[in-house]
Structure formats: structure tokens, C-alpha cells
């Protein structure tokens, strides 16, 4: 199971030891593959984009059972990883200032 974590120091697997006895905490912690998010950048937007692509390409069809869902998702993930798919950001600072002008204060010159 993958676990996406941010880089805040307060988010560690050590919190499991606050909730469970040590053997149970270790058992649970070993089930996770940790994926750290970038220190800078909009990682949440990238996740949302990937979920949207997944929904459009894979989940817009009827799948008869969980095994078929897993098979389709595994194939999609493999294809995305082999293609080294990345996000191309087109929303620049200049674009943001134009489209979101109402949110930027006007400073006296």
C-alpha cells in the first residue's frame, strides 16, 4: 500500500506507537511504501491531475469485479510509468497575474 506524505516533521510513522502496542505498530508500518512529496511545488495538483486521467481512461467503464479493476489499474500504472509521464505546467506567474488580477493588490508606484 502506498502512503503519500508531506515533508512536515510531525508526520511520521512514529505516531502509530502512540495508538498501538509496539508489535502492532511495526506490523502496520511495514505495510506502507512511503512516498514523500516535493518540498516545493504543487504536488497536490499533480495528484489531482493523475486521478482525473485515471478516472477518464480507466474508470469510465463498467468493471465486473475487484480483480478486473485491479488488472485495469495495474496496466494503466505500468503504461504511465513506462512513458515517464509528467505534468507540463502552463500556468505561469504572468498568466496568474492576468487571470487573477482581482487577488493581487495594486501597489502605489
PDB file of N, CA and C in Angstrom:
ATOM      1  N   UNK A   1       0.847  -1.161   0.000  1.00  0.00           N
ATOM      2  CA  UNK A   1       0.000   0.000   0.000  1.00  0.00           C
ATOM      3  C   UNK A   1       0.894   1.225   0.000  1.00  0.00           C
ATOM      4  N   UNK A   2       0.612   2.175  -0.877  1.00  0.00           N
ATOM      5  CA  UNK A   2       1.392   3.402  -0.930  1.00  0.00           C
ATOM      6  C   UNK A   2       0.817   4.445   0.011  1.00  0.00           C
ATOM      7  N   UNK A   3       1.680   5.199   0.616  1.00  0.00           N
ATOM      8  CA  UNK A   3       1.273   6.276   1.510  1.00  0.00           C
ATOM      9  C   UNK A   3       2.004   7.529   1.079  1.00  0.00           C
ATOM     10  N   UNK A   4       1.249   8.553   0.677  1.00  0.00           N
ATOM     11  CA  UNK A   4       1.852   9.821   0.279  1.00  0.00           C
ATOM     12  C   UNK A   4       1.927  10.693   1.516  1.00  0.00           C
ATOM     13  N   UNK A   5       3.121  11.202   1.785  1.00  0.00           N
ATOM     14  CA  UNK A   5       3.328  12.014   2.976  1.00  0.00           C
ATOM     15  C   UNK A   5       3.913  13.352   2.567  1.00  0.00           C
ATOM     16  N   UNK A   6       3.597  14.364   3.362  1.00  0.00           N
ATOM     17  CA  UNK A   6       4.273  15.631   3.111  1.00  0.00           C
ATOM     18  C   UNK A   6       5.556  15.651   3.931  1.00  0.00           C
ATOM     19  N   UNK A   7       6.273  16.739   3.842  1.00  0.00           N
ATOM     20  CA  UNK A   7       7.583  16.802   4.470  1.00  0.00           C
ATOM     21  C   UNK A   7       7.569  17.432   5.859  1.00  0.00           C
ATOM     22  N   UNK A   8       6.428  17.619   6.444  1.00  0.00           N
ATOM     23  CA  UNK A   8       6.400  18.156   7.797  1.00  0.00           C
ATOM     24  C   UNK A   8       6.953  17.124   8.756  1.00  0.00           C
ATOM     25  N   UNK A   9       7.724  17.578   9.712  1.00  0.00           N
ATOM     26  CA  UNK A   9       8.366  16.662  10.650  1.00  0.00           C
ATOM     27  C   UNK A   9       7.367  15.973  11.575  1.00  0.00           C
ATOM     28  N   UNK A  10       6.162  16.497  11.675  1.00  0.00           N
ATOM     29  CA  UNK A  10       5.187  15.903  12.595  1.00  0.00           C
ATOM     30  C   UNK A  10       4.501  14.669  12.021  1.00  0.00           C
ATOM     31  N   UNK A  11       4.667  14.434  10.723  1.00  0.00           N
ATOM     32  CA  UNK A  11       4.003  13.304  10.102  1.00  0.00           C
ATOM     33  C   UNK A  11       4.978  12.145   9.932  1.00  0.00           C
ATOM     34  N   UNK A  12       5.062  11.311  10.929  1.00  0.00           N
ATOM     35  CA  UNK A  12       5.955  10.162  10.864  1.00  0.00           C
ATOM     36  C   UNK A  12       5.181   8.914  11.263  1.00  0.00           C
ATOM     37  N   UNK A  13       5.733   7.767  10.937  1.00  0.00           N
ATOM     38  CA  UNK A  13       5.099   6.518  11.337  1.00  0.00           C
ATOM     39  C   UNK A  13       5.192   6.290  12.839  1.00  0.00           C
ATOM     40  N   UNK A  14       5.981   7.116  13.511  1.00  0.00           N
ATOM     41  CA  UNK A  14       6.096   7.000  14.963  1.00  0.00           C
ATOM     42  C   UNK A  14       4.754   7.235  15.657  1.00  0.00           C
ATOM     43  N   UNK A  15       3.838   7.942  14.989  1.00  0.00           N
ATOM     44  CA  UNK A  15       2.534   8.170  15.605  1.00  0.00           C
ATOM     45  C   UNK A  15       1.772   6.865  15.814  1.00  0.00           C
ATOM     46  N   UNK A  16       2.117   5.831  15.053  1.00  0.00           N
ATOM     47  CA  UNK A  16       1.461   4.542  15.247  1.00  0.00           C
ATOM     48  C   UNK A  16       1.721   4.003  16.658  1.00  0.00           C
ATOM     49  N   UNK A  17       2.905   4.314  17.178  1.00  0.00           N
ATOM     50  CA  UNK A  17       3.266   3.833  18.512  1.00  0.00           C
ATOM     51  C   UNK A  17       2.476   4.546  19.604  1.00  0.00           C
ATOM     52  N   UNK A  18       1.874   5.677  19.280  1.00  0.00           N
ATOM     53  CA  UNK A  18       1.012   6.363  20.237  1.00  0.00           C
ATOM     54  C   UNK A  18      -0.367   5.708  20.307  1.00  0.00           C
ATOM     55  N   UNK A  19      -0.740   5.039  19.231  1.00  0.00           N
ATOM     56  CA  UNK A  19      -2.080   4.469  19.142  1.00  0.00           C
ATOM     57  C   UNK A  19      -2.119   2.961  19.368  1.00  0.00           C
ATOM     58  N   UNK A  20      -0.998   2.270  19.087  1.00  0.00           N
ATOM     59  CA  UNK A  20      -0.990   0.814  19.142  1.00  0.00           C
ATOM     60  C   UNK A  20       0.219   0.312  19.931  1.00  0.00           C
ATOM     61  N   UNK A  21       0.154  -0.918  20.418  1.00  0.00           N
ATOM     62  CA  UNK A  21       1.334  -1.509  21.050  1.00  0.00           C
ATOM     63  C   UNK A  21       2.454  -1.677  20.015  1.00  0.00           C
ATOM     64  N   UNK A  22       3.718  -1.722  20.464  1.00  0.00           N
ATOM     65  CA  UNK A  22       4.841  -1.792  19.517  1.00  0.00           C
ATOM     66  C   UNK A  22       4.739  -2.890  18.463  1.00  0.00           C
ATOM     67  N   UNK A  23       4.401  -4.140  18.795  1.00  0.00           N
ATOM     68  CA  UNK A  23       4.338  -5.153  17.726  1.00  0.00           C
ATOM     69  C   UNK A  23       3.291  -4.824  16.649  1.00  0.00           C
ATOM     70  N   UNK A  24       2.141  -4.311  17.073  1.00  0.00           N
ATOM     71  CA  UNK A  24       1.089  -3.954  16.121  1.00  0.00           C
ATOM     72  C   UNK A  24       1.511  -2.744  15.279  1.00  0.00           C
ATOM     73  N   UNK A  25       2.157  -1.767  15.916  1.00  0.00           N
ATOM     74  CA  UNK A  25       2.645  -0.590  15.192  1.00  0.00           C
ATOM     75  C   UNK A  25       3.636  -0.992  14.119  1.00  0.00           C
ATOM     76  N   UNK A  26       4.559  -1.869  14.459  1.00  0.00           N
ATOM     77  CA  UNK A  26       5.561  -2.322  13.489  1.00  0.00           C
ATOM     78  C   UNK A  26       4.896  -3.079  12.346  1.00  0.00           C
ATOM     79  N   UNK A  27       3.912  -3.934  12.665  1.00  0.00           N
ATOM     80  CA  UNK A  27       3.201  -4.697  11.635  1.00  0.00           C
ATOM     81  C   UNK A  27       2.514  -3.752  10.652  1.00  0.00           C
ATOM     82  N   UNK A  28       1.857  -2.737  11.180  1.00  0.00           N
ATOM     83  CA  UNK A  28       1.158  -1.778  10.322  1.00  0.00           C
ATOM     84  C   UNK A  28       2.167  -0.971   9.505  1.00  0.00           C
ATOM     85  N   UNK A  29       3.222  -0.498  10.134  1.00  0.00           N
ATOM     86  CA  UNK A  29       4.219   0.347   9.460  1.00  0.00           C
ATOM     87  C   UNK A  29       4.876  -0.395   8.302  1.00  0.00           C
ATOM     88  N   UNK A  30       5.070  -1.680   8.429  1.00  0.00           N
ATOM     89  CA  UNK A  30       5.719  -2.459   7.369  1.00  0.00           C
ATOM     90  C   UNK A  30       4.833  -2.625   6.136  1.00  0.00           C
ATOM     91  N   UNK A  31       3.556  -2.320   6.257  1.00  0.00           N
ATOM     92  CA  UNK A  31       2.643  -2.456   5.115  1.00  0.00           C
ATOM     93  C   UNK A  31       2.703  -1.257   4.176  1.00  0.00           C
ATOM     94  N   UNK A  32       3.341  -0.169   4.614  1.00  0.00           N
ATOM     95  CA  UNK A  32       3.356   1.056   3.827  1.00  0.00           C
ATOM     96  C   UNK A  32       4.632   1.194   3.012  1.00  0.00           C
ATOM     97  N   UNK A  33       4.475   1.667   1.768  1.00  0.00           N
ATOM     98  CA  UNK A  33       5.587   2.166   0.974  1.00  0.00           C
ATOM     99  C   UNK A  33       5.471   3.682   1.054  1.00  0.00           C
ATOM    100  N   UNK A  34       6.458   4.323   1.601  1.00  0.00           N
ATOM    101  CA  UNK A  34       6.382   5.764   1.802  1.00  0.00           C
ATOM    102  C   UNK A  34       6.776   6.514   0.543  1.00  0.00           C
ATOM    103  N   UNK A  35       5.994   7.521   0.192  1.00  0.00           N
ATOM    104  CA  UNK A  35       6.261   8.382  -0.954  1.00  0.00           C
ATOM    105  C   UNK A  35       6.247   9.814  -0.443  1.00  0.00           C
ATOM    106  N   UNK A  36       7.401  10.430  -0.388  1.00  0.00           N
ATOM    107  CA  UNK A  36       7.490  11.791   0.122  1.00  0.00           C
ATOM    108  C   UNK A  36       7.162  12.778  -0.981  1.00  0.00           C
ATOM    109  N   UNK A  37       6.487  13.829  -0.613  1.00  0.00           N
ATOM    110  CA  UNK A  37       6.116  14.850  -1.585  1.00  0.00           C
ATOM    111  C   UNK A  37       7.269  15.833  -1.749  1.00  0.00           C
ATOM    112  N   UNK A  38       7.299  16.546  -2.865  1.00  0.00           N
ATOM    113  CA  UNK A  38       8.360  17.540  -3.050  1.00  0.00           C
ATOM    114  C   UNK A  38       8.262  18.647  -2.007  1.00  0.00           C
ATOM    115  N   UNK A  39       9.411  19.199  -1.639  1.00  0.00           N
ATOM    116  CA  UNK A  39       9.403  20.299  -0.675  1.00  0.00           C
ATOM    117  C   UNK A  39       8.785  21.543  -1.291  1.00  0.00           C
ATOM    118  N   UNK A  40       8.924  21.707  -2.582  1.00  0.00           N
ATOM    119  CA  UNK A  40       8.364  22.860  -3.276  1.00  0.00           C
ATOM    120  C   UNK A  40       7.555  22.343  -4.459  1.00  0.00           C
ATOM    121  N   UNK A  41       6.572  23.094  -4.833  1.00  0.00           N
ATOM    122  CA  UNK A  41       5.781  22.698  -5.986  1.00  0.00           C
ATOM    123  C   UNK A  41       4.388  22.271  -5.574  1.00  0.00           C
ATOM    124  N   UNK A  42       3.547  22.168  -6.528  1.00  0.00           N
ATOM    125  CA  UNK A  42       2.156  21.862  -6.274  1.00  0.00           C
ATOM    126  C   UNK A  42       1.904  20.374  -6.465  1.00  0.00           C
ATOM    127  N   UNK A  43       2.370  19.575  -5.527  1.00  0.00           N
ATOM    128  CA  UNK A  43       2.225  18.127  -5.642  1.00  0.00           C
ATOM    129  C   UNK A  43       0.765  17.708  -5.579  1.00  0.00           C
ATOM    130  N   UNK A  44      -0.061  18.440  -4.838  1.00  0.00           N
ATOM    131  CA  UNK A  44      -1.468  18.075  -4.752  1.00  0.00           C
ATOM    132  C   UNK A  44      -2.149  18.235  -6.110  1.00  0.00           C
ATOM    133  N   UNK A  45      -1.796  19.289  -6.836  1.00  0.00           N
ATOM    134  CA  UNK A  45      -2.348  19.470  -8.181  1.00  0.00           C
ATOM    135  C   UNK A  45      -1.939  18.316  -9.085  1.00  0.00           C
ATOM    136  N   UNK A  46      -0.686  17.879  -8.975  1.00  0.00           N
ATOM    137  CA  UNK A  46      -0.234  16.758  -9.808  1.00  0.00           C
ATOM    138  C   UNK A  46      -1.022  15.490  -9.481  1.00  0.00           C
ATOM    139  N   UNK A  47      -1.295  15.267  -8.201  1.00  0.00           N
ATOM    140  CA  UNK A  47      -2.090  14.101  -7.806  1.00  0.00           C
ATOM    141  C   UNK A  47      -3.500  14.193  -8.379  1.00  0.00           C
ATOM    142  N   UNK A  48      -4.090  15.374  -8.293  1.00  0.00           N
ATOM    143  CA  UNK A  48      -5.443  15.554  -8.823  1.00  0.00           C
ATOM    144  C   UNK A  48      -5.483  15.333 -10.330  1.00  0.00           C
ATOM    145  N   UNK A  49      -4.456  15.776 -11.030  1.00  0.00           N
ATOM    146  CA  UNK A  49      -4.394  15.575 -12.480  1.00  0.00           C
ATOM    147  C   UNK A  49      -4.313  14.086 -12.791  1.00  0.00           C
ATOM    148  N   UNK A  50      -3.461  13.361 -12.065  1.00  0.00           N
ATOM    149  CA  UNK A  50      -3.339  11.913 -12.296  1.00  0.00           C
ATOM    150  C   UNK A  50      -4.653  11.193 -12.007  1.00  0.00           C
ATOM    151  N   UNK A  51      -5.325  11.574 -10.933  1.00  0.00           N
ATOM    152  CA  UNK A  51      -6.622  10.956 -10.616  1.00  0.00           C
ATOM    153  C   UNK A  51      -7.633  11.222 -11.730  1.00  0.00           C
ATOM    154  N   UNK A  52      -7.612  12.434 -12.292  1.00  0.00           N
ATOM    155  CA  UNK A  52      -8.548  12.766 -13.373  1.00  0.00           C
ATOM    156  C   UNK A  52      -8.257  11.925 -14.614  1.00  0.00           C
ATOM    157  N   UNK A  53      -6.971  11.762 -14.942  1.00  0.00           N
ATOM    158  CA  UNK A  53      -6.604  10.928 -16.091  1.00  0.00           C
ATOM    159  C   UNK A  53      -7.036   9.488 -15.845  1.00  0.00           C
ATOM    160  N   UNK A  54      -6.770   8.992 -14.660  1.00  0.00           N
ATOM    161  CA  UNK A  54      -7.167   7.628 -14.298  1.00  0.00           C
ATOM    162  C   UNK A  54      -8.680   7.449 -14.438  1.00  0.00           C
ATOM    163  N   UNK A  55      -9.435   8.387 -13.929  1.00  0.00           N
ATOM    164  CA  UNK A  55     -10.896   8.290 -13.996  1.00  0.00           C
ATOM    165  C   UNK A  55     -11.382   8.292 -15.443  1.00  0.00           C
ATOM    166  N   UNK A  56     -10.816   9.188 -16.269  1.00  0.00           N
ATOM    167  CA  UNK A  56     -11.234   9.278 -17.667  1.00  0.00           C
ATOM    168  C   UNK A  56     -10.878   8.030 -18.457  1.00  0.00           C
ATOM    169  N   UNK A  57      -9.668   7.531 -18.257  1.00  0.00           N
ATOM    170  CA  UNK A  57      -9.188   6.443 -19.118  1.00  0.00           C
ATOM    171  C   UNK A  57      -9.530   5.052 -18.621  1.00  0.00           C
ATOM    172  N   UNK A  58      -9.728   4.904 -17.332  1.00  0.00           N
ATOM    173  CA  UNK A  58      -9.921   3.550 -16.797  1.00  0.00           C
ATOM    174  C   UNK A  58     -11.267   3.335 -16.120  1.00  0.00           C
ATOM    175  N   UNK A  59     -11.709   4.320 -15.392  1.00  0.00           N
ATOM    176  CA  UNK A  59     -12.863   4.086 -14.528  1.00  0.00           C
ATOM    177  C   UNK A  59     -14.180   4.525 -15.140  1.00  0.00           C
ATOM    178  N   UNK A  60     -14.159   4.950 -16.392  1.00  0.00           N
ATOM    179  CA  UNK A  60     -15.386   5.341 -17.065  1.00  0.00           C
ATOM    180  C   UNK A  60     -16.113   4.162 -17.686  1.00  0.00           C
ATOM    181  N   UNK A  61     -15.686   2.983 -17.359  1.00  0.00           N
ATOM    182  CA  UNK A  61     -16.290   1.769 -17.920  1.00  0.00           C
ATOM    183  C   UNK A  61     -16.790   0.883 -16.781  1.00  0.00           C
ATOM    184  N   UNK A  62     -17.656  -0.024 -17.106  1.00  0.00           N
ATOM    185  CA  UNK A  62     -18.131  -0.976 -16.100  1.00  0.00           C
ATOM    186  C   UNK A  62     -17.121  -2.109 -15.976  1.00  0.00           C
ATOM    187  N   UNK A  63     -16.719  -2.368 -14.757  1.00  0.00           N
ATOM    188  CA  UNK A  63     -15.798  -3.468 -14.492  1.00  0.00           C
ATOM    189  C   UNK A  63     -16.518  -4.442 -13.577  1.00  0.00           C
ATOM    190  N   UNK A  64     -16.548  -5.717 -13.933  1.00  0.00           N
ATOM    191  CA  UNK A  64     -17.417  -6.677 -13.247  1.00  0.00           C
ATOM    192  C   UNK A  64     -17.033  -7.010 -11.803  1.00  0.00           C
ATOM    193  N   UNK A  65     -15.745  -6.911 -11.477  1.00  0.00           N
ATOM    194  CA  UNK A  65     -15.355  -7.299 -10.117  1.00  0.00           C
ATOM    195  C   UNK A  65     -14.046  -6.605  -9.738  1.00  0.00           C
ATOM    196  N   UNK A  66     -13.661  -6.773  -8.479  1.00  0.00           N
ATOM    197  CA  UNK A  66     -12.451  -6.120  -7.965  1.00  0.00           C
ATOM    198  C   UNK A  66     -11.196  -6.595  -8.679  1.00  0.00           C
ATOM    199  N   UNK A  67     -11.149  -7.845  -9.053  1.00  0.00           N
ATOM    200  CA  UNK A  67      -9.983  -8.373  -9.751  1.00  0.00           C
ATOM    201  C   UNK A  67      -9.790  -7.663 -11.092  1.00  0.00           C
ATOM    202  N   UNK A  68     -10.878  -7.435 -11.809  1.00  0.00           N
ATOM    203  CA  UNK A  68     -10.796  -6.727 -13.091  1.00  0.00           C
ATOM    204  C   UNK A  68     -10.369  -5.278 -12.877  1.00  0.00           C
ATOM    205  N   UNK A  69     -10.870  -4.634 -11.833  1.00  0.00           N
ATOM    206  CA  UNK A  69     -10.462  -3.258 -11.515  1.00  0.00           C
ATOM    207  C   UNK A  69      -8.958  -3.219 -11.256  1.00  0.00           C
ATOM    208  N   UNK A  70      -8.475  -4.150 -10.448  1.00  0.00           N
ATOM    209  CA  UNK A  70      -7.054  -4.206 -10.136  1.00  0.00           C
ATOM    210  C   UNK A  70      -6.209  -4.439 -11.389  1.00  0.00           C
ATOM    211  N   UNK A  71      -6.665  -5.315 -12.271  1.00  0.00           N
ATOM    212  CA  UNK A  71      -5.951  -5.602 -13.518  1.00  0.00           C
ATOM    213  C   UNK A  71      -5.862  -4.355 -14.393  1.00  0.00           C
ATOM    214  N   UNK A  72      -6.973  -3.647 -14.543  1.00  0.00           N
ATOM    215  CA  UNK A  72      -7.004  -2.437 -15.367  1.00  0.00           C
ATOM    216  C   UNK A  72      -6.101  -1.363 -14.762  1.00  0.00           C
ATOM    217  N   UNK A  73      -6.171  -1.185 -13.448  1.00  0.00           N
ATOM    218  CA  UNK A  73      -5.351  -0.165 -12.790  1.00  0.00           C
ATOM    219  C   UNK A  73      -3.866  -0.488 -12.881  1.00  0.00           C
ATOM    220  N   UNK A  74      -3.505  -1.757 -12.716  1.00  0.00           N
ATOM    221  CA  UNK A  74      -2.098  -2.159 -12.830  1.00  0.00           C
ATOM    222  C   UNK A  74      -1.564  -1.884 -14.227  1.00  0.00           C
ATOM    223  N   UNK A  75      -2.355  -2.201 -15.249  1.00  0.00           N
ATOM    224  CA  UNK A  75      -1.937  -1.962 -16.638  1.00  0.00           C
ATOM    225  C   UNK A  75      -1.764  -0.470 -16.891  1.00  0.00           C
ATOM    226  N   UNK A  76      -2.698   0.328 -16.408  1.00  0.00           N
ATOM    227  CA  UNK A  76      -2.624   1.783 -16.581  1.00  0.00           C
ATOM    228  C   UNK A  76      -1.382   2.336 -15.886  1.00  0.00           C
ATOM    229  N   UNK A  77      -1.139   1.911 -14.662  1.00  0.00           N
ATOM    230  CA  UNK A  77       0.027   2.384 -13.909  1.00  0.00           C
ATOM    231  C   UNK A  77       1.327   2.014 -14.623  1.00  0.00           C
ATOM    232  N   UNK A  78       1.406   0.798 -15.100  1.00  0.00           N
ATOM    233  CA  UNK A  78       2.603   0.342 -15.821  1.00  0.00           C
ATOM    234  C   UNK A  78       2.835   1.194 -17.063  1.00  0.00           C
ATOM    235  N   UNK A  79       1.776   1.468 -17.818  1.00  0.00           N
ATOM    236  CA  UNK A  79       1.895   2.273 -19.038  1.00  0.00           C
ATOM    237  C   UNK A  79       2.348   3.690 -18.698  1.00  0.00           C
ATOM    238  N   UNK A  80       1.779   4.295 -17.656  1.00  0.00           N
ATOM    239  CA  UNK A  80       2.154   5.660 -17.261  1.00  0.00           C
ATOM    240  C   UNK A  80       3.609   5.712 -16.818  1.00  0.00           C
ATOM    241  N   UNK A  81       4.028   4.720 -16.058  1.00  0.00           N
ATOM    242  CA  UNK A  81       5.407   4.698 -15.568  1.00  0.00           C
ATOM    243  C   UNK A  81       6.405   4.480 -16.701  1.00  0.00           C
ATOM    244  N   UNK A  82       6.095   3.584 -17.624  1.00  0.00           N
ATOM    245  CA  UNK A  82       6.999   3.336 -18.754  1.00  0.00           C
ATOM    246  C   UNK A  82       7.119   4.555 -19.663  1.00  0.00           C
ATOM    247  N   UNK A  83       6.048   5.308 -19.769  1.00  0.00           N
ATOM    248  CA  UNK A  83       6.058   6.503 -20.618  1.00  0.00           C
ATOM    249  C   UNK A  83       6.724   7.687 -19.919  1.00  0.00           C
ATOM    250  N   UNK A  84       7.078   7.531 -18.646  1.00  0.00           N
ATOM    251  CA  UNK A  84       7.668   8.626 -17.860  1.00  0.00           C
ATOM    252  C   UNK A  84       6.810   9.879 -17.976  1.00  0.00           C
ATOM    253  N   UNK A  85       5.524   9.693 -17.817  1.00  0.00           N
ATOM    254  CA  UNK A  85       4.572  10.780 -17.944  1.00  0.00           C
ATOM    255  C   UNK A  85       4.822  11.826 -16.869  1.00  0.00           C
ATOM    256  N   UNK A  86       4.764  13.084 -17.263  1.00  0.00           N
ATOM    257  CA  UNK A  86       4.951  14.169 -16.308  1.00  0.00           C
ATOM    258  C   UNK A  86       3.905  15.247 -16.562  1.00  0.00           C
ATOM    259  N   UNK A  87       3.857  16.192 -15.672  1.00  0.00           N
ATOM    260  CA  UNK A  87       2.911  17.298 -15.787  1.00  0.00           C
ATOM    261  C   UNK A  87       3.625  18.472 -16.424  1.00  0.00           C
ATOM    262  N   UNK A  88       3.005  19.070 -17.430  1.00  0.00           N
ATOM    263  CA  UNK A  88       3.543  20.269 -18.065  1.00  0.00           C
ATOM    264  C   UNK A  88       2.735  21.454 -17.559  1.00  0.00           C
ATOM    265  N   UNK A  89       3.380  22.295 -16.784  1.00  0.00           N
ATOM    266  CA  UNK A  89       2.692  23.454 -16.207  1.00  0.00           C
ATOM    267  C   UNK A  89       2.614  24.558 -17.248  1.00  0.00           C
ATOM    268  N   UNK A  90       1.420  25.055 -17.490  1.00  0.00           N
ATOM    269  CA  UNK A  90       1.225  26.135 -18.461  1.00  0.00           C
ATOM    270  C   UNK A  90       0.776  27.417 -17.774  1.00  0.00           C
ATOM    271  N   UNK A  91       0.511  27.340 -16.499  1.00  0.00           N
ATOM    272  CA  UNK A  91       0.016  28.482 -15.747  1.00  0.00           C
ATOM    273  C   UNK A  91       1.210  29.174 -15.111  1.00  0.00           C
ATOM    274  N   UNK A  92       1.686  30.233 -15.760  1.00  0.00           N
ATOM    275  CA  UNK A  92       2.872  30.943 -15.289  1.00  0.00           C
ATOM    276  C   UNK A  92       2.473  32.052 -14.317  1.00  0.00           C
ATOM    277  N   UNK A  93       3.458  32.671 -13.721  1.00  0.00           N
ATOM    278  CA  UNK A  93       3.194  33.794 -12.815  1.00  0.00           C
ATOM    279  C   UNK A  93       2.499  34.919 -13.568  1.00  0.00           C
ATOM    280  N   UNK A  94       2.955  35.192 -14.786  1.00  0.00           N
ATOM    281  CA  UNK A  94       2.339  36.260 -15.593  1.00  0.00           C
ATOM    282  C   UNK A  94       0.877  35.933 -15.898  1.00  0.00           C
ATOM    283  N   UNK A  95       0.608  34.676 -16.242  1.00  0.00           N
ATOM    284  CA  UNK A  95      -0.776  34.252 -16.506  1.00  0.00           C
ATOM    285  C   UNK A  95      -1.621  34.410 -15.254  1.00  0.00           C
ATOM    286  N   UNK A  96      -1.074  34.028 -14.116  1.00  0.00           N
ATOM    287  CA  UNK A  96      -1.804  34.150 -12.854  1.00  0.00           C
ATOM    288  C   UNK A  96      -2.147  35.601 -12.564  1.00  0.00           C
ATOM    289  N   UNK A  97      -1.188  36.492 -12.790  1.00  0.00           N
ATOM    290  CA  UNK A  97      -1.444  37.917 -12.522  1.00  0.00           C
ATOM    291  C   UNK A  97      -2.521  38.479 -13.437  1.00  0.00           C
ATOM    292  N   UNK A  98      -2.591  37.953 -14.654  1.00  0.00           N
ATOM    293  CA  UNK A  98      -3.619  38.413 -15.589  1.00  0.00           C
ATOM    294  C   UNK A  98      -4.981  37.850 -15.201  1.00  0.00           C
ATOM    295  N   UNK A  99      -5.052  36.562 -15.005  1.00  0.00           N
ATOM    296  CA  UNK A  99      -6.340  35.913 -14.732  1.00  0.00           C
ATOM    297  C   UNK A  99      -6.851  36.169 -13.320  1.00  0.00           C
ATOM    298  N   UNK A 100      -5.942  36.371 -12.400  1.00  0.00           N
ATOM    299  CA  UNK A 100      -6.337  36.555 -11.003  1.00  0.00           C
ATOM    300  C   UNK A 100      -6.035  37.964 -10.513  1.00  0.00           C
ATOM    301  N   UNK A 101      -6.151  38.934 -11.420  1.00  0.00           N
ATOM    302  CA  UNK A 101      -5.797  40.324 -11.097  1.00  0.00           C
ATOM    303  C   UNK A 101      -6.543  40.836  -9.868  1.00  0.00           C
ATOM    304  N   UNK A 102      -7.765  40.391  -9.675  1.00  0.00           N
ATOM    305  CA  UNK A 102      -8.556  40.867  -8.541  1.00  0.00           C
ATOM    306  C   UNK A 102      -7.952  40.450  -7.206  1.00  0.00           C
ATOM    307  N   UNK A 103      -7.109  39.422  -7.207  1.00  0.00           N
ATOM    308  CA  UNK A 103      -6.496  38.943  -5.975  1.00  0.00           C
ATOM    309  C   UNK A 103      -5.167  39.609  -5.663  1.00  0.00           C
ATOM    310  N   UNK A 104      -4.600  40.310  -6.633  1.00  0.00           N
ATOM    311  CA  UNK A 104      -3.311  40.987  -6.436  1.00  0.00           C
ATOM    312  C   UNK A 104      -3.551  42.438  -6.089  1.00  0.00           C
ATOM    313  N   UNK A 105      -2.988  42.903  -4.986  1.00  0.00           N
ATOM    314  CA  UNK A 105      -3.193  44.312  -4.622  1.00  0.00           C
ATOM    315  C   UNK A 105      -2.401  45.222  -5.566  1.00  0.00           C
ATOM    316  N   UNK A 106      -2.949  46.387  -5.783  1.00  0.00           N
ATOM    317  CA  UNK A 106      -2.226  47.376  -6.580  1.00  0.00           C
ATOM    318  C   UNK A 106      -1.371  48.196  -5.631  1.00  0.00           C
ATOM    319  N   UNK A 107      -0.093  48.223  -5.895  1.00  0.00           N
ATOM    320  CA  UNK A 107       0.833  48.956  -5.048  1.00  0.00           C
ATOM    321  C   UNK A 107       1.097  50.331  -5.643  1.00  0.00           C
ATOM    322  N   UNK A 108       1.173  51.325  -4.767  1.00  0.00           N
ATOM    323  CA  UNK A 108       1.475  52.673  -5.313  1.00  0.00           C
ATOM    324  C   UNK A 108       2.890  52.692  -5.880  1.00  0.00           C
ATOM    325  N   UNK A 109       3.067  53.442  -6.983  1.00  0.00           N
ATOM    326  CA  UNK A 109       4.395  53.483  -7.594  1.00  0.00           C
ATOM    327  C   UNK A 109       5.290  54.514  -6.975  1.00  0.00           C
TER     328      UNK A 109
END
